[in-house]
PDB file of N, CA and C in Angstrom:
ATOM      1  N   MET A   1      11.984 -31.792  -1.255  1.00  0.00           N
ATOM      2  CA  MET A   1      10.730 -31.150  -0.836  1.00  0.00           C
ATOM      3  C   MET A   1      10.897 -30.481   0.528  1.00  0.00           C
ATOM      4  N   GLN A   2      11.590 -31.171   1.438  1.00  0.00           N
ATOM      5  CA  GLN A   2      11.806 -30.622   2.782  1.00  0.00           C
ATOM      6  C   GLN A   2      12.636 -29.339   2.713  1.00  0.00           C
ATOM      7  N   LEU A   3      13.656 -29.352   1.845  1.00  0.00           N
ATOM      8  CA  LEU A   3      14.532 -28.186   1.692  1.00  0.00           C
ATOM      9  C   LEU A   3      13.743 -26.988   1.178  1.00  0.00           C
ATOM     10  N   LYS A   4      12.826 -27.250   0.229  1.00  0.00           N
ATOM     11  CA  LYS A   4      12.002 -26.173  -0.332  1.00  0.00           C
ATOM     12  C   LYS A   4      11.143 -25.529   0.756  1.00  0.00           C
ATOM     13  N   ASN A   5      10.572 -26.363   1.637  1.00  0.00           N
ATOM     14  CA  ASN A   5       9.752 -25.852   2.740  1.00  0.00           C
ATOM     15  C   ASN A   5      10.577 -24.983   3.684  1.00  0.00           C
ATOM     16  N   ILE A   6      11.802 -25.421   3.992  1.00  0.00           N
ATOM     17  CA  ILE A   6      12.691 -24.659   4.876  1.00  0.00           C
ATOM     18  C   ILE A   6      13.011 -23.304   4.247  1.00  0.00           C
ATOM     19  N   VAL A   7      13.311 -23.307   2.949  1.00  0.00           N
ATOM     20  CA  VAL A   7      13.614 -22.065   2.229  1.00  0.00           C
ATOM     21  C   VAL A   7      12.401 -21.129   2.259  1.00  0.00           C
ATOM     22  N   LEU A   8      11.205 -21.674   2.032  1.00  0.00           N
ATOM     23  CA  LEU A   8       9.980 -20.861   2.067  1.00  0.00           C
ATOM     24  C   LEU A   8       9.751 -20.255   3.448  1.00  0.00           C
ATOM     25  N   VAL A   9      10.007 -21.029   4.495  1.00  0.00           N
ATOM     26  CA  VAL A   9       9.854 -20.530   5.870  1.00  0.00           C
ATOM     27  C   VAL A   9      10.839 -19.392   6.126  1.00  0.00           C
ATOM     28  N   ILE A  10      12.091 -19.568   5.688  1.00  0.00           N
ATOM     29  CA  ILE A  10      13.111 -18.529   5.865  1.00  0.00           C
ATOM     30  C   ILE A  10      12.704 -17.252   5.128  1.00  0.00           C
ATOM     31  N   ILE A  11      12.237 -17.396   3.877  1.00  0.00           N
ATOM     32  CA  ILE A  11      11.786 -16.237   3.087  1.00  0.00           C
ATOM     33  C   ILE A  11      10.606 -15.557   3.784  1.00  0.00           C
ATOM     34  N   ALA A  12       9.661 -16.340   4.292  1.00  0.00           N
ATOM     35  CA  ALA A  12       8.490 -15.792   4.987  1.00  0.00           C
ATOM     36  C   ALA A  12       8.909 -15.003   6.226  1.00  0.00           C
ATOM     37  N   ILE A  13       9.865 -15.538   6.988  1.00  0.00           N
ATOM     38  CA  ILE A  13      10.357 -14.858   8.196  1.00  0.00           C
ATOM     39  C   ILE A  13      11.035 -13.542   7.828  1.00  0.00           C
ATOM     40  N   ILE A  14      11.884 -13.569   6.792  1.00  0.00           N
ATOM     41  CA  ILE A  14      12.583 -12.358   6.346  1.00  0.00           C
ATOM     42  C   ILE A  14      11.575 -11.298   5.897  1.00  0.00           C
ATOM     43  N   LEU A  15      10.580 -11.698   5.108  1.00  0.00           N
ATOM     44  CA  LEU A  15       9.545 -10.764   4.646  1.00  0.00           C
ATOM     45  C   LEU A  15       8.757 -10.191   5.818  1.00  0.00           C
ATOM     46  N   ALA A  16       8.422 -11.031   6.793  1.00  0.00           N
ATOM     47  CA  ALA A  16       7.682 -10.573   7.978  1.00  0.00           C
ATOM     48  C   ALA A  16       8.493  -9.534   8.745  1.00  0.00           C
ATOM     49  N   ILE A  17       9.797  -9.776   8.914  1.00  0.00           N
ATOM     50  CA  ILE A  17      10.677  -8.828   9.611  1.00  0.00           C
ATOM     51  C   ILE A  17      10.726  -7.498   8.861  1.00  0.00           C
ATOM     52  N   ILE A  18      10.861  -7.564   7.526  1.00  0.00           N
ATOM     53  CA  ILE A  18      10.907  -6.346   6.703  1.00  0.00           C
ATOM     54  C   ILE A  18       9.602  -5.559   6.846  1.00  0.00           C
ATOM     55  N   VAL A  19       8.457  -6.252   6.752  1.00  0.00           N
ATOM     56  CA  VAL A  19       7.147  -5.591   6.862  1.00  0.00           C
ATOM     57  C   VAL A  19       6.993  -4.929   8.230  1.00  0.00           C
ATOM     58  N   ILE A  20       7.368  -5.644   9.305  1.00  0.00           N
ATOM     59  CA  ILE A  20       7.266  -5.099  10.665  1.00  0.00           C
ATOM     60  C   ILE A  20       8.152  -3.865  10.807  1.00  0.00           C
ATOM     61  N   LYS A  21       9.379  -3.939  10.262  1.00  0.00           N
ATOM     62  CA  LYS A  21      10.294  -2.786  10.345  1.00  0.00           C
ATOM     63  C   LYS A  21       9.732  -1.588   9.600  1.00  0.00           C
ATOM     64  N   ILE A  22       9.171  -1.805   8.409  1.00  0.00           N
ATOM     65  CA  ILE A  22       8.592  -0.707   7.616  1.00  0.00           C
ATOM     66  C   ILE A  22       7.405  -0.101   8.357  1.00  0.00           C
ATOM     67  N   LEU A  23       6.512  -0.954   8.899  1.00  0.00           N
ATOM     68  CA  LEU A  23       5.350  -0.465   9.648  1.00  0.00           C
ATOM     69  C   LEU A  23       5.791   0.319  10.876  1.00  0.00           C
ATOM     70  N   TRP A  24       6.814  -0.188  11.594  1.00  0.00           N
ATOM     71  CA  TRP A  24       7.323   0.484  12.786  1.00  0.00           C
ATOM     72  C   TRP A  24       7.903   1.842  12.416  1.00  0.00           C
ATOM     73  N   TRP A  25       8.629   1.893  11.288  1.00  0.00           N
ATOM     74  CA  TRP A  25       9.248   3.118  10.790  1.00  0.00           C
ATOM     75  C   TRP A  25       8.178   4.152  10.449  1.00  0.00           C
ATOM     76  N   ILE A  26       7.124   3.712   9.731  1.00  0.00           N
ATOM     77  CA  ILE A  26       6.013   4.605   9.356  1.00  0.00           C
ATOM     78  C   ILE A  26       5.309   5.115  10.615  1.00  0.00           C
ATOM     79  N   THR A  27       5.060   4.211  11.575  1.00  0.00           N
ATOM     80  CA  THR A  27       4.406   4.591  12.830  1.00  0.00           C
ATOM     81  C   THR A  27       5.241   5.615  13.586  1.00  0.00           C
ATOM     82  N   ALA A  28       6.565   5.403  13.622  1.00  0.00           N
ATOM     83  CA  ALA A  28       7.462   6.337  14.310  1.00  0.00           C
ATOM     84  C   ALA A  28       7.403   7.720  13.663  1.00  0.00           C
ATOM     85  N   ILE A  29       7.395   7.773  12.332  1.00  0.00           N
ATOM     86  CA  ILE A  29       7.323   9.054  11.612  1.00  0.00           C
ATOM     87  C   ILE A  29       5.994   9.749  11.908  1.00  0.00           C
ATOM     88  N   ILE A  30       4.886   9.000  11.867  1.00  0.00           N
ATOM     89  CA  ILE A  30       3.559   9.573  12.133  1.00  0.00           C
ATOM     90  C   ILE A  30       3.498  10.109  13.563  1.00  0.00           C
ATOM     91  N   LEU A  31       4.027   9.330  14.529  1.00  0.00           N
ATOM     92  CA  LEU A  31       4.041   9.774  15.926  1.00  0.00           C
ATOM     93  C   LEU A  31       4.842  11.060  16.088  1.00  0.00           C
ATOM     94  N   GLN A  32       6.014  11.138  15.447  1.00  0.00           N
ATOM     95  CA  GLN A  32       6.845  12.340  15.518  1.00  0.00           C
ATOM     96  C   GLN A  32       6.114  13.538  14.930  1.00  0.00           C
ATOM     97  N   LEU A  33       5.422  13.344  13.814  1.00  0.00           N
ATOM     98  CA  LEU A  33       4.649  14.427  13.191  1.00  0.00           C
ATOM     99  C   LEU A  33       3.523  14.898  14.106  1.00  0.00           C
ATOM    100  N   VAL A  34       2.806  13.951  14.712  1.00  0.00           N
ATOM    101  CA  VAL A  34       1.700  14.290  15.613  1.00  0.00           C
ATOM    102  C   VAL A  34       2.218  15.073  16.818  1.00  0.00           C
ATOM    103  N   ILE A  35       3.315  14.595  17.436  1.00  0.00           N
ATOM    104  CA  ILE A  35       3.914  15.287  18.580  1.00  0.00           C
ATOM    105  C   ILE A  35       4.363  16.687  18.175  1.00  0.00           C
ATOM    106  N   PHE A  36       4.996  16.809  17.014  1.00  0.00           N
ATOM    107  CA  PHE A  36       5.445  18.101  16.493  1.00  0.00           C
ATOM    108  C   PHE A  36       4.265  19.059  16.340  1.00  0.00           C
ATOM    109  N   LEU A  37       3.172  18.587  15.740  1.00  0.00           N
ATOM    110  CA  LEU A  37       1.980  19.422  15.536  1.00  0.00           C
ATOM    111  C   LEU A  37       1.359  19.847  16.866  1.00  0.00           C
ATOM    112  N   ILE A  38       1.318  18.939  17.842  1.00  0.00           N
ATOM    113  CA  ILE A  38       0.776  19.264  19.170  1.00  0.00           C
ATOM    114  C   ILE A  38       1.626  20.344  19.836  1.00  0.00           C
ATOM    115  N   VAL A  39       2.949  20.204  19.768  1.00  0.00           N
ATOM    116  CA  VAL A  39       3.863  21.194  20.357  1.00  0.00           C
ATOM    117  C   VAL A  39       3.680  22.552  19.681  1.00  0.00           C
ATOM    118  N   VAL A  40       3.615  22.563  18.352  1.00  0.00           N
ATOM    119  CA  VAL A  40       3.402  23.812  17.604  1.00  0.00           C
ATOM    120  C   VAL A  40       2.079  24.451  18.018  1.00  0.00           C
ATOM    121  N   TYR A  41       1.034  23.654  18.151  1.00  0.00           N
ATOM    122  CA  TYR A  41      -0.292  24.151  18.538  1.00  0.00           C
ATOM    123  C   TYR A  41      -0.270  24.760  19.944  1.00  0.00           C
ATOM    124  N   ILE A  42       0.404  24.067  20.886  1.00  0.00           N
ATOM    125  CA  ILE A  42       0.516  24.566  22.269  1.00  0.00           C
ATOM    126  C   ILE A  42       1.274  25.893  22.292  1.00  0.00           C
ATOM    127  N   ILE A  43       2.394  25.981  21.571  1.00  0.00           N
ATOM    128  CA  ILE A  43       3.175  27.220  21.498  1.00  0.00           C
ATOM    129  C   ILE A  43       2.331  28.336  20.881  1.00  0.00           C
ATOM    130  N   TYR A  44       1.581  28.013  19.846  1.00  0.00           N
ATOM    131  CA  TYR A  44       0.704  28.987  19.176  1.00  0.00           C
ATOM    132  C   TYR A  44      -0.334  29.547  20.156  1.00  0.00           C
ATOM    133  N   ILE A  45      -0.956  28.649  20.949  1.00  0.00           N
ATOM    134  CA  ILE A  45      -1.953  29.078  21.943  1.00  0.00           C
ATOM    135  C   ILE A  45      -1.296  29.967  23.000  1.00  0.00           C
ATOM    136  N   LEU A  46      -0.112  29.565  23.480  1.00  0.00           N
ATOM    137  CA  LEU A  46       0.598  30.351  24.495  1.00  0.00           C
ATOM    138  C   LEU A  46       0.961  31.732  23.961  1.00  0.00           C
ATOM    139  N   LEU A  47       1.407  31.813  22.718  1.00  0.00           N
ATOM    140  CA  LEU A  47       1.772  33.103  22.119  1.00  0.00           C
ATOM    141  C   LEU A  47       0.536  33.975  21.905  1.00  0.00           C
ATOM    142  N   LYS A  48      -0.592  33.362  21.579  1.00  0.00           N
ATOM    143  CA  LYS A  48      -1.840  34.116  21.383  1.00  0.00           C
ATOM    144  C   LYS A  48      -2.309  34.759  22.686  1.00  0.00           C
ATOM    145  N   LYS A  49      -2.027  34.089  23.817  1.00  0.00           N
ATOM    146  CA  LYS A  49      -2.457  34.600  25.126  1.00  0.00           C
ATOM    147  C   LYS A  49      -1.625  35.804  25.560  1.00  0.00           C
ATOM    148  N   LEU A  50      -0.441  35.965  25.020  1.00  0.00           N
ATOM    149  CA  LEU A  50       0.439  37.084  25.409  1.00  0.00           C
ATOM    150  C   LEU A  50      -0.118  38.415  24.922  1.00  0.00           C
TER     151      LEU A  50
END
């Protein structure tokens, strides 16, 4: 019974790490897209002023 609990804890930790990595990866992609769009928008405004 004790061994089963240890295995479950290890599986839970591994799953938590995977979920955090996936969320971090998605957040990083969204941040890069937002920054890209802001830069494009700023360049667009600057070009319109010319």
